[in-house]
All heavy atoms as atom14 arrays in JSON, in Angstrom:
{
  "sequence": "EGGSLRIAVRDYGSGMNESARARLFESFFTTKADGLGLGLSICRSI",
  "atom14_mask": [
    [1, 1, 1, 1, 1, 1, 1, 1, 1, 0, 0, 0, 0, 0],
    [1, 1, 1, 1, 0, 0, 0, 0, 0, 0, 0, 0, 0, 0],
    [1, 1, 1, 1, 0, 0, 0, 0, 0, 0, 0, 0, 0, 0],
    [1, 1, 1, 1, 1, 1, 0, 0, 0, 0, 0, 0, 0, 0],
    [1, 1, 1, 1, 1, 1, 1, 1, 0, 0, 0, 0, 0, 0],
    [1, 1, 1, 1, 1, 1, 1, 1, 1, 1, 1, 0, 0, 0],
    [1, 1, 1, 1, 1, 1, 1, 1, 0, 0, 0, 0, 0, 0],
    [1, 1, 1, 1, 1, 0, 0, 0, 0, 0, 0, 0, 0, 0],
    [1, 1, 1, 1, 1, 1, 1, 0, 0, 0, 0, 0, 0, 0],
    [1, 1, 1, 1, 1, 1, 1, 1, 1, 1, 1, 0, 0, 0],
    [1, 1, 1, 1, 1, 1, 1, 1, 0, 0, 0, 0, 0, 0],
    [1, 1, 1, 1, 1, 1, 1, 1, 1, 1, 1, 1, 0, 0],
    [1, 1, 1, 1, 0, 0, 0, 0, 0, 0, 0, 0, 0, 0],
    [1, 1, 1, 1, 1, 1, 0, 0, 0, 0, 0, 0, 0, 0],
    [1, 1, 1, 1, 0, 0, 0, 0, 0, 0, 0, 0, 0, 0],
    [1, 1, 1, 1, 1, 1, 1, 1, 0, 0, 0, 0, 0, 0],
    [1, 1, 1, 1, 1, 1, 1, 1, 0, 0, 0, 0, 0, 0],
    [1, 1, 1, 1, 1, 1, 1, 1, 1, 0, 0, 0, 0, 0],
    [1, 1, 1, 1, 1, 1, 0, 0, 0, 0, 0, 0, 0, 0],
    [1, 1, 1, 1, 1, 0, 0, 0, 0, 0, 0, 0, 0, 0],
    [1, 1, 1, 1, 1, 1, 1, 1, 1, 1, 1, 0, 0, 0],
    [1, 1, 1, 1, 1, 0, 0, 0, 0, 0, 0, 0, 0, 0],
    [1, 1, 1, 1, 1, 1, 1, 1, 1, 1, 1, 0, 0, 0],
    [1, 1, 1, 1, 1, 1, 1, 1, 0, 0, 0, 0, 0, 0],
    [1, 1, 1, 1, 1, 1, 1, 1, 1, 1, 1, 0, 0, 0],
    [1, 1, 1, 1, 1, 1, 1, 1, 1, 0, 0, 0, 0, 0],
    [1, 1, 1, 1, 1, 1, 0, 0, 0, 0, 0, 0, 0, 0],
    [1, 1, 1, 1, 1, 1, 1, 1, 1, 1, 1, 0, 0, 0],
    [1, 1, 1, 1, 1, 1, 1, 1, 1, 1, 1, 0, 0, 0],
    [1, 1, 1, 1, 1, 1, 1, 0, 0, 0, 0, 0, 0, 0],
    [1, 1, 1, 1, 1, 1, 1, 0, 0, 0, 0, 0, 0, 0],
    [1, 1, 1, 1, 1, 1, 1, 1, 1, 0, 0, 0, 0, 0],
    [1, 1, 1, 1, 1, 0, 0, 0, 0, 0, 0, 0, 0, 0],
    [1, 1, 1, 1, 1, 1, 1, 1, 0, 0, 0, 0, 0, 0],
    [1, 1, 1, 1, 0, 0, 0, 0, 0, 0, 0, 0, 0, 0],
    [1, 1, 1, 1, 1, 1, 1, 1, 0, 0, 0, 0, 0, 0],
    [1, 1, 1, 1, 0, 0, 0, 0, 0, 0, 0, 0, 0, 0],
    [1, 1, 1, 1, 1, 1, 1, 1, 0, 0, 0, 0, 0, 0],
    [1, 1, 1, 1, 0, 0, 0, 0, 0, 0, 0, 0, 0, 0],
    [1, 1, 1, 1, 1, 1, 1, 1, 0, 0, 0, 0, 0, 0],
    [1, 1, 1, 1, 1, 1, 0, 0, 0, 0, 0, 0, 0, 0],
    [1, 1, 1, 1, 1, 1, 1, 1, 0, 0, 0, 0, 0, 0],
    [1, 1, 1, 1, 1, 1, 0, 0, 0, 0, 0, 0, 0, 0],
    [1, 1, 1, 1, 1, 1, 1, 1, 1, 1, 1, 0, 0, 0],
    [1, 1, 1, 1, 1, 1, 0, 0, 0, 0, 0, 0, 0, 0],
    [1, 1, 1, 1, 1, 1, 1, 1, 0, 0, 0, 0, 0, 0]
  ],
  "atom14_positions": [
    [[209.29, 217.45, 42.38], [210.12, 217.33, 43.59], [211.56, 217.65, 43.23], [212.15, 217.0, 42.36], [210.03, 215.91, 44.16], [210.88, 215.69, 45.41], [210.76, 214.27, 45.94], [209.62, 213.83, 46.16], [211.8, 213.62, 46.11], [0.0, 0.0, 0.0], [0.0, 0.0, 0.0], [0.0, 0.0, 0.0], [0.0, 0.0, 0.0], [0.0, 0.0, 0.0]],
    [[212.12, 218.67, 43.88], [213.53, 219.01, 43.68], [213.89, 219.37, 42.25], [214.94, 218.99, 41.76], [0.0, 0.0, 0.0], [0.0, 0.0, 0.0], [0.0, 0.0, 0.0], [0.0, 0.0, 0.0], [0.0, 0.0, 0.0], [0.0, 0.0, 0.0], [0.0, 0.0, 0.0], [0.0, 0.0, 0.0], [0.0, 0.0, 0.0], [0.0, 0.0, 0.0]],
    [[213.0, 220.11, 41.55], [213.31, 220.51, 40.19], [213.09, 219.42, 39.17], [213.53, 219.57, 38.02], [0.0, 0.0, 0.0], [0.0, 0.0, 0.0], [0.0, 0.0, 0.0], [0.0, 0.0, 0.0], [0.0, 0.0, 0.0], [0.0, 0.0, 0.0], [0.0, 0.0, 0.0], [0.0, 0.0, 0.0], [0.0, 0.0, 0.0], [0.0, 0.0, 0.0]],
    [[212.42, 218.34, 39.54], [212.19, 217.23, 38.62], [210.71, 216.88, 38.61], [210.01, 216.99, 39.63], [213.0, 216.0, 39.04], [214.37, 216.25, 38.94], [0.0, 0.0, 0.0], [0.0, 0.0, 0.0], [0.0, 0.0, 0.0], [0.0, 0.0, 0.0], [0.0, 0.0, 0.0], [0.0, 0.0, 0.0], [0.0, 0.0, 0.0], [0.0, 0.0, 0.0]],
    [[210.26, 216.46, 37.44], [208.91, 215.92, 37.3], [208.94, 214.44, 37.65], [209.85, 213.72, 37.24], [208.44, 216.09, 35.85], [207.23, 215.26, 35.42], [205.96, 215.75, 36.11], [207.07, 215.27, 33.91], [0.0, 0.0, 0.0], [0.0, 0.0, 0.0], [0.0, 0.0, 0.0], [0.0, 0.0, 0.0], [0.0, 0.0, 0.0], [0.0, 0.0, 0.0]],
    [[207.95, 213.99, 38.44], [207.83, 212.59, 38.8], [206.49, 212.07, 38.29], [205.44, 212.59, 38.63], [207.91, 212.41, 40.32], [209.29, 212.58, 40.89], [209.28, 212.74, 42.41], [208.23, 211.97, 43.05], [208.41, 210.77, 43.62], [209.6, 210.22, 43.6], [207.42, 210.15, 44.22], [0.0, 0.0, 0.0], [0.0, 0.0, 0.0], [0.0, 0.0, 0.0]],
    [[206.57, 211.01, 37.45], [205.38, 210.32, 36.97], [205.43, 208.91, 37.55], [206.29, 208.11, 37.16], [205.3, 210.28, 35.44], [205.37, 211.7, 34.86], [204.03, 209.58, 34.98], [205.38, 211.75, 33.35], [0.0, 0.0, 0.0], [0.0, 0.0, 0.0], [0.0, 0.0, 0.0], [0.0, 0.0, 0.0], [0.0, 0.0, 0.0], [0.0, 0.0, 0.0]],
    [[204.57, 208.62, 38.51], [204.56, 207.32, 39.18], [203.41, 206.48, 38.64], [202.26, 206.94, 38.6], [204.41, 207.51, 40.69], [0.0, 0.0, 0.0], [0.0, 0.0, 0.0], [0.0, 0.0, 0.0], [0.0, 0.0, 0.0], [0.0, 0.0, 0.0], [0.0, 0.0, 0.0], [0.0, 0.0, 0.0], [0.0, 0.0, 0.0], [0.0, 0.0, 0.0]],
    [[203.72, 205.26, 38.22], [202.71, 204.32, 37.7], [202.67, 203.13, 38.66], [203.69, 202.45, 38.85], [203.06, 203.87, 36.27], [202.03, 202.87, 35.77], [203.15, 205.06, 35.33], [0.0, 0.0, 0.0], [0.0, 0.0, 0.0], [0.0, 0.0, 0.0], [0.0, 0.0, 0.0], [0.0, 0.0, 0.0], [0.0, 0.0, 0.0], [0.0, 0.0, 0.0]],
    [[201.48, 202.91, 39.25], [201.36, 201.83, 40.22], [200.25, 200.88, 39.81], [199.19, 201.3, 39.34], [201.05, 202.37, 41.61], [200.83, 201.23, 42.61], [200.5, 201.65, 43.98], [200.3, 200.49, 44.83], [200.09, 200.54, 46.12], [200.05, 201.71, 46.74], [199.9, 199.43, 46.82], [0.0, 0.0, 0.0], [0.0, 0.0, 0.0], [0.0, 0.0, 0.0]],
    [[200.52, 199.56, 40.0], [199.48, 198.55, 39.8], [199.27, 197.82, 41.12], [200.03, 197.98, 42.07], [199.87, 197.59, 38.68], [201.11, 196.78, 39.02], [201.02, 195.88, 39.88], [202.19, 197.05, 38.43], [0.0, 0.0, 0.0], [0.0, 0.0, 0.0], [0.0, 0.0, 0.0], [0.0, 0.0, 0.0], [0.0, 0.0, 0.0], [0.0, 0.0, 0.0]],
    [[198.25, 196.98, 41.15], [197.93, 196.21, 42.36], [197.97, 194.72, 42.04], [197.14, 193.94, 42.5], [196.55, 196.62, 42.89], [196.49, 198.07, 43.27], [196.06, 199.03, 42.35], [196.89, 198.49, 44.53], [196.03, 200.37, 42.69], [196.85, 199.82, 44.88], [196.43, 200.77, 43.95], [196.41, 202.1, 44.29], [0.0, 0.0, 0.0], [0.0, 0.0, 0.0]],
    [[198.94, 194.36, 41.17], [199.08, 192.97, 40.72], [199.86, 192.11, 41.69], [199.89, 192.36, 42.9], [0.0, 0.0, 0.0], [0.0, 0.0, 0.0], [0.0, 0.0, 0.0], [0.0, 0.0, 0.0], [0.0, 0.0, 0.0], [0.0, 0.0, 0.0], [0.0, 0.0, 0.0], [0.0, 0.0, 0.0], [0.0, 0.0, 0.0], [0.0, 0.0, 0.0]],
    [[200.55, 191.14, 41.13], [201.23, 190.14, 41.95], [202.56, 190.63, 42.51], [203.15, 189.98, 43.37], [201.47, 188.87, 41.13], [202.19, 189.19, 39.94], [0.0, 0.0, 0.0], [0.0, 0.0, 0.0], [0.0, 0.0, 0.0], [0.0, 0.0, 0.0], [0.0, 0.0, 0.0], [0.0, 0.0, 0.0], [0.0, 0.0, 0.0], [0.0, 0.0, 0.0]],
    [[203.06, 191.76, 42.01], [204.33, 192.28, 42.53], [205.52, 191.47, 42.04], [205.44, 190.7, 41.07], [0.0, 0.0, 0.0], [0.0, 0.0, 0.0], [0.0, 0.0, 0.0], [0.0, 0.0, 0.0], [0.0, 0.0, 0.0], [0.0, 0.0, 0.0], [0.0, 0.0, 0.0], [0.0, 0.0, 0.0], [0.0, 0.0, 0.0], [0.0, 0.0, 0.0]],
    [[206.68, 191.62, 42.74], [207.9, 190.93, 42.33], [208.77, 190.69, 43.56], [208.67, 191.41, 44.56], [208.67, 191.75, 41.29], [209.24, 193.06, 41.83], [209.9, 194.12, 40.54], [208.37, 194.81, 39.93], [0.0, 0.0, 0.0], [0.0, 0.0, 0.0], [0.0, 0.0, 0.0], [0.0, 0.0, 0.0], [0.0, 0.0, 0.0], [0.0, 0.0, 0.0]],
    [[209.64, 189.66, 43.46], [210.55, 189.36, 44.56], [211.8, 190.23, 44.46], [212.01, 190.95, 43.48], [210.91, 187.87, 44.59], [211.5, 187.4, 43.27], [212.25, 188.13, 42.62], [211.16, 186.17, 42.87], [0.0, 0.0, 0.0], [0.0, 0.0, 0.0], [0.0, 0.0, 0.0], [0.0, 0.0, 0.0], [0.0, 0.0, 0.0], [0.0, 0.0, 0.0]],
    [[212.68, 190.13, 45.49], [213.87, 191.0, 45.54], [214.86, 190.69, 44.43], [215.5, 191.58, 43.89], [214.55, 190.87, 46.91], [213.77, 191.48, 48.05], [213.54, 192.97, 47.86], [214.41, 193.63, 47.28], [212.47, 193.45, 48.27], [0.0, 0.0, 0.0], [0.0, 0.0, 0.0], [0.0, 0.0, 0.0], [0.0, 0.0, 0.0], [0.0, 0.0, 0.0]],
    [[215.02, 189.41, 44.08], [215.99, 189.05, 43.03], [215.54, 189.62, 41.69], [216.36, 190.12, 40.9], [216.14, 187.53, 42.95], [214.89, 186.92, 42.62], [0.0, 0.0, 0.0], [0.0, 0.0, 0.0], [0.0, 0.0, 0.0], [0.0, 0.0, 0.0], [0.0, 0.0, 0.0], [0.0, 0.0, 0.0], [0.0, 0.0, 0.0], [0.0, 0.0, 0.0]],
    [[214.21, 189.56, 41.4], [213.72, 190.14, 40.16], [213.84, 191.66, 40.18], [214.19, 192.28, 39.17], [212.27, 189.72, 39.94], [0.0, 0.0, 0.0], [0.0, 0.0, 0.0], [0.0, 0.0, 0.0], [0.0, 0.0, 0.0], [0.0, 0.0, 0.0], [0.0, 0.0, 0.0], [0.0, 0.0, 0.0], [0.0, 0.0, 0.0], [0.0, 0.0, 0.0]],
    [[213.58, 192.3, 41.32], [213.7, 193.75, 41.43], [215.13, 194.21, 41.16], [215.34, 195.26, 40.53], [213.26, 194.2, 42.82], [213.25, 195.72, 43.02], [212.99, 196.06, 44.48], [211.69, 195.55, 44.9], [210.54, 196.23, 44.75], [210.57, 197.42, 44.18], [209.41, 195.72, 45.17], [0.0, 0.0, 0.0], [0.0, 0.0, 0.0], [0.0, 0.0, 0.0]],
    [[216.11, 193.42, 41.63], [217.51, 193.81, 41.44], [217.93, 193.74, 39.98], [218.87, 194.41, 39.57], [218.43, 192.93, 42.29], [0.0, 0.0, 0.0], [0.0, 0.0, 0.0], [0.0, 0.0, 0.0], [0.0, 0.0, 0.0], [0.0, 0.0, 0.0], [0.0, 0.0, 0.0], [0.0, 0.0, 0.0], [0.0, 0.0, 0.0], [0.0, 0.0, 0.0]],
    [[217.24, 192.93, 39.16], [217.67, 192.74, 37.76], [216.68, 193.32, 36.76], [216.75, 193.0, 35.57], [217.86, 191.25, 37.5], [218.88, 190.57, 38.4], [219.04, 189.12, 38.01], [219.49, 188.98, 36.63], [219.47, 187.84, 35.95], [218.99, 186.75, 36.52], [219.88, 187.78, 34.7], [0.0, 0.0, 0.0], [0.0, 0.0, 0.0], [0.0, 0.0, 0.0]],
    [[215.74, 194.14, 37.22], [214.67, 194.62, 36.36], [215.17, 195.28, 35.08], [214.61, 195.08, 34.01], [213.79, 195.61, 37.13], [212.63, 195.01, 37.92], [211.9, 196.11, 38.67], [211.67, 194.28, 36.99], [0.0, 0.0, 0.0], [0.0, 0.0, 0.0], [0.0, 0.0, 0.0], [0.0, 0.0, 0.0], [0.0, 0.0, 0.0], [0.0, 0.0, 0.0]],
    [[216.22, 196.09, 35.21], [216.64, 196.91, 34.08], [217.8, 196.3, 33.31], [218.42, 196.98, 32.49], [217.03, 198.31, 34.58], [215.87, 199.02, 35.22], [215.74, 199.06, 36.6], [214.91, 199.64, 34.45], [214.68, 199.72, 37.19], [213.84, 200.29, 35.04], [213.71, 200.33, 36.41], [0.0, 0.0, 0.0], [0.0, 0.0, 0.0], [0.0, 0.0, 0.0]],
    [[218.1, 195.02, 33.55], [219.12, 194.34, 32.76], [218.55, 193.95, 31.41], [217.4, 193.52, 31.31], [219.62, 193.09, 33.49], [220.38, 193.38, 34.77], [220.89, 192.1, 35.41], [220.8, 191.04, 34.75], [221.36, 192.16, 36.56], [0.0, 0.0, 0.0], [0.0, 0.0, 0.0], [0.0, 0.0, 0.0], [0.0, 0.0, 0.0], [0.0, 0.0, 0.0]],
    [[219.39, 194.11, 30.38], [218.94, 193.7, 29.06], [218.7, 192.21, 29.01], [219.47, 191.41, 29.58], [219.98, 194.1, 28.0], [220.15, 195.5, 27.99], [0.0, 0.0, 0.0], [0.0, 0.0, 0.0], [0.0, 0.0, 0.0], [0.0, 0.0, 0.0], [0.0, 0.0, 0.0], [0.0, 0.0, 0.0], [0.0, 0.0, 0.0], [0.0, 0.0, 0.0]],
    [[217.59, 191.81, 28.36], [217.21, 190.41, 28.14], [216.77, 189.7, 29.42], [216.66, 188.49, 29.43], [218.34, 189.61, 27.46], [218.82, 190.22, 26.18], [220.06, 190.85, 26.11], [218.01, 190.21, 25.05], [220.49, 191.43, 24.93], [218.44, 190.8, 23.87], [219.68, 191.4, 23.79], [0.0, 0.0, 0.0], [0.0, 0.0, 0.0], [0.0, 0.0, 0.0]],
    [[216.54, 190.45, 30.49], [215.94, 189.84, 31.68], [214.45, 190.11, 31.67], [214.0, 191.25, 31.51], [216.56, 190.41, 32.95], [215.87, 189.92, 34.21], [216.12, 188.64, 34.68], [214.94, 190.72, 34.87], [215.47, 188.19, 35.83], [214.29, 190.26, 36.0], [214.56, 188.99, 36.48], [0.0, 0.0, 0.0], [0.0, 0.0, 0.0], [0.0, 0.0, 0.0]],
    [[213.65, 189.07, 31.83], [212.21, 189.22, 31.81], [211.57, 188.2, 32.74], [212.13, 187.13, 32.99], [211.65, 189.03, 30.39], [210.24, 189.19, 30.42], [211.99, 187.66, 29.84], [0.0, 0.0, 0.0], [0.0, 0.0, 0.0], [0.0, 0.0, 0.0], [0.0, 0.0, 0.0], [0.0, 0.0, 0.0], [0.0, 0.0, 0.0], [0.0, 0.0, 0.0]],
    [[210.4, 188.56, 33.28], [209.64, 187.64, 34.11], [208.44, 187.08, 33.35], [207.64, 186.34, 33.92], [209.14, 188.36, 35.37], [208.35, 189.49, 34.99], [210.32, 188.84, 36.22], [0.0, 0.0, 0.0], [0.0, 0.0, 0.0], [0.0, 0.0, 0.0], [0.0, 0.0, 0.0], [0.0, 0.0, 0.0], [0.0, 0.0, 0.0], [0.0, 0.0, 0.0]],
    [[208.32, 187.47, 32.07], [207.22, 186.99, 31.25], [207.67, 185.8, 30.42], [208.82, 185.76, 29.95], [206.72, 188.11, 30.32], [206.29, 189.37, 31.05], [205.9, 190.44, 30.05], [205.58, 191.75, 30.75], [205.25, 192.82, 29.77], [0.0, 0.0, 0.0], [0.0, 0.0, 0.0], [0.0, 0.0, 0.0], [0.0, 0.0, 0.0], [0.0, 0.0, 0.0]],
    [[206.74, 184.89, 30.18], [207.1, 183.69, 29.42], [207.43, 184.04, 27.98], [208.29, 183.4, 27.35], [205.94, 182.68, 29.47], [0.0, 0.0, 0.0], [0.0, 0.0, 0.0], [0.0, 0.0, 0.0], [0.0, 0.0, 0.0], [0.0, 0.0, 0.0], [0.0, 0.0, 0.0], [0.0, 0.0, 0.0], [0.0, 0.0, 0.0], [0.0, 0.0, 0.0]],
    [[206.76, 185.08, 27.4], [206.99, 185.44, 26.0], [207.67, 186.79, 25.86], [207.61, 187.42, 24.81], [205.65, 185.45, 25.24], [204.64, 186.39, 25.91], [204.93, 186.84, 27.04], [203.59, 186.65, 25.31], [0.0, 0.0, 0.0], [0.0, 0.0, 0.0], [0.0, 0.0, 0.0], [0.0, 0.0, 0.0], [0.0, 0.0, 0.0], [0.0, 0.0, 0.0]],
    [[208.3, 187.29, 26.93], [208.95, 188.59, 26.87], [210.35, 188.52, 26.31], [211.01, 187.47, 26.34], [0.0, 0.0, 0.0], [0.0, 0.0, 0.0], [0.0, 0.0, 0.0], [0.0, 0.0, 0.0], [0.0, 0.0, 0.0], [0.0, 0.0, 0.0], [0.0, 0.0, 0.0], [0.0, 0.0, 0.0], [0.0, 0.0, 0.0], [0.0, 0.0, 0.0]],
    [[210.83, 189.68, 25.79], [212.19, 189.76, 25.25], [213.18, 190.31, 26.27], [214.38, 190.14, 26.11], [212.21, 190.66, 24.0], [211.38, 190.18, 22.81], [211.46, 191.21, 21.7], [211.88, 188.84, 22.33], [0.0, 0.0, 0.0], [0.0, 0.0, 0.0], [0.0, 0.0, 0.0], [0.0, 0.0, 0.0], [0.0, 0.0, 0.0], [0.0, 0.0, 0.0]],
    [[212.71, 190.99, 27.29], [213.61, 191.56, 28.29], [214.3, 192.83, 27.83], [215.36, 193.18, 28.33], [0.0, 0.0, 0.0], [0.0, 0.0, 0.0], [0.0, 0.0, 0.0], [0.0, 0.0, 0.0], [0.0, 0.0, 0.0], [0.0, 0.0, 0.0], [0.0, 0.0, 0.0], [0.0, 0.0, 0.0], [0.0, 0.0, 0.0], [0.0, 0.0, 0.0]],
    [[213.72, 193.56, 26.87], [214.34, 194.79, 26.36], [213.55, 196.04, 26.73], [214.07, 197.14, 26.66], [214.47, 194.72, 24.83], [215.46, 193.69, 24.3], [215.38, 193.64, 22.78], [216.87, 194.01, 24.74], [0.0, 0.0, 0.0], [0.0, 0.0, 0.0], [0.0, 0.0, 0.0], [0.0, 0.0, 0.0], [0.0, 0.0, 0.0], [0.0, 0.0, 0.0]],
    [[212.24, 195.89, 27.07], [211.39, 197.05, 27.28], [211.89, 198.0, 28.34], [212.11, 199.19, 28.07], [0.0, 0.0, 0.0], [0.0, 0.0, 0.0], [0.0, 0.0, 0.0], [0.0, 0.0, 0.0], [0.0, 0.0, 0.0], [0.0, 0.0, 0.0], [0.0, 0.0, 0.0], [0.0, 0.0, 0.0], [0.0, 0.0, 0.0], [0.0, 0.0, 0.0]],
    [[212.08, 197.52, 29.57], [212.51, 198.39, 30.65], [213.93, 198.91, 30.44], [214.26, 200.03, 30.83], [212.41, 197.66, 31.99], [210.99, 197.44, 32.51], [211.03, 196.65, 33.81], [210.29, 198.78, 32.73], [0.0, 0.0, 0.0], [0.0, 0.0, 0.0], [0.0, 0.0, 0.0], [0.0, 0.0, 0.0], [0.0, 0.0, 0.0], [0.0, 0.0, 0.0]],
    [[214.8, 198.09, 29.84], [216.16, 198.55, 29.56], [216.15, 199.73, 28.6], [216.83, 200.73, 28.81], [216.98, 197.39, 28.98], [218.26, 197.83, 28.62], [0.0, 0.0, 0.0], [0.0, 0.0, 0.0], [0.0, 0.0, 0.0], [0.0, 0.0, 0.0], [0.0, 0.0, 0.0], [0.0, 0.0, 0.0], [0.0, 0.0, 0.0], [0.0, 0.0, 0.0]],
    [[215.33, 199.63, 27.54], [215.24, 200.74, 26.59], [214.58, 201.94, 27.25], [215.0, 203.1, 27.04], [214.47, 200.3, 25.34], [215.28, 199.25, 24.57], [214.15, 201.49, 24.45], [214.57, 198.65, 23.39], [0.0, 0.0, 0.0], [0.0, 0.0, 0.0], [0.0, 0.0, 0.0], [0.0, 0.0, 0.0], [0.0, 0.0, 0.0], [0.0, 0.0, 0.0]],
    [[213.55, 201.72, 28.07], [212.89, 202.83, 28.76], [213.85, 203.58, 29.67], [213.83, 204.82, 29.75], [211.7, 202.3, 29.57], [210.32, 201.75, 28.53], [0.0, 0.0, 0.0], [0.0, 0.0, 0.0], [0.0, 0.0, 0.0], [0.0, 0.0, 0.0], [0.0, 0.0, 0.0], [0.0, 0.0, 0.0], [0.0, 0.0, 0.0], [0.0, 0.0, 0.0]],
    [[214.69, 202.86, 30.4], [215.67, 203.53, 31.25], [216.65, 204.34, 30.4], [217.01, 205.47, 30.76], [216.42, 202.51, 32.09], [217.63, 203.11, 32.81], [218.26, 202.16, 33.8], [217.58, 202.25, 35.1], [218.04, 201.7, 36.21], [219.17, 201.02, 36.19], [217.39, 201.82, 37.35], [0.0, 0.0, 0.0], [0.0, 0.0, 0.0], [0.0, 0.0, 0.0]],
    [[217.09, 203.79, 29.26], [218.0, 204.53, 28.38], [217.34, 205.82, 27.9], [217.99, 206.87, 27.82], [218.41, 203.66, 27.19], [219.08, 202.51, 27.61], [0.0, 0.0, 0.0], [0.0, 0.0, 0.0], [0.0, 0.0, 0.0], [0.0, 0.0, 0.0], [0.0, 0.0, 0.0], [0.0, 0.0, 0.0], [0.0, 0.0, 0.0], [0.0, 0.0, 0.0]],
    [[216.03, 205.76, 27.57], [215.32, 206.97, 27.12], [215.28, 207.99, 28.26], [215.53, 209.19, 28.07], [213.91, 206.6, 26.66], [213.98, 205.76, 25.37], [213.06, 207.85, 26.43], [212.65, 205.22, 24.91], [0.0, 0.0, 0.0], [0.0, 0.0, 0.0], [0.0, 0.0, 0.0], [0.0, 0.0, 0.0], [0.0, 0.0, 0.0], [0.0, 0.0, 0.0]]
  ]
}
């Protein structure tokens, strides 16, 4: 689309609320009990 490749990954899990969606890519923010909160931040940087 528009000169860009789009790879969309969708699940049918529990989803997320608006407050979590707004902070998804912040470093050290996680919704997992044992998560570090770095995965999505590093993925966005890549």
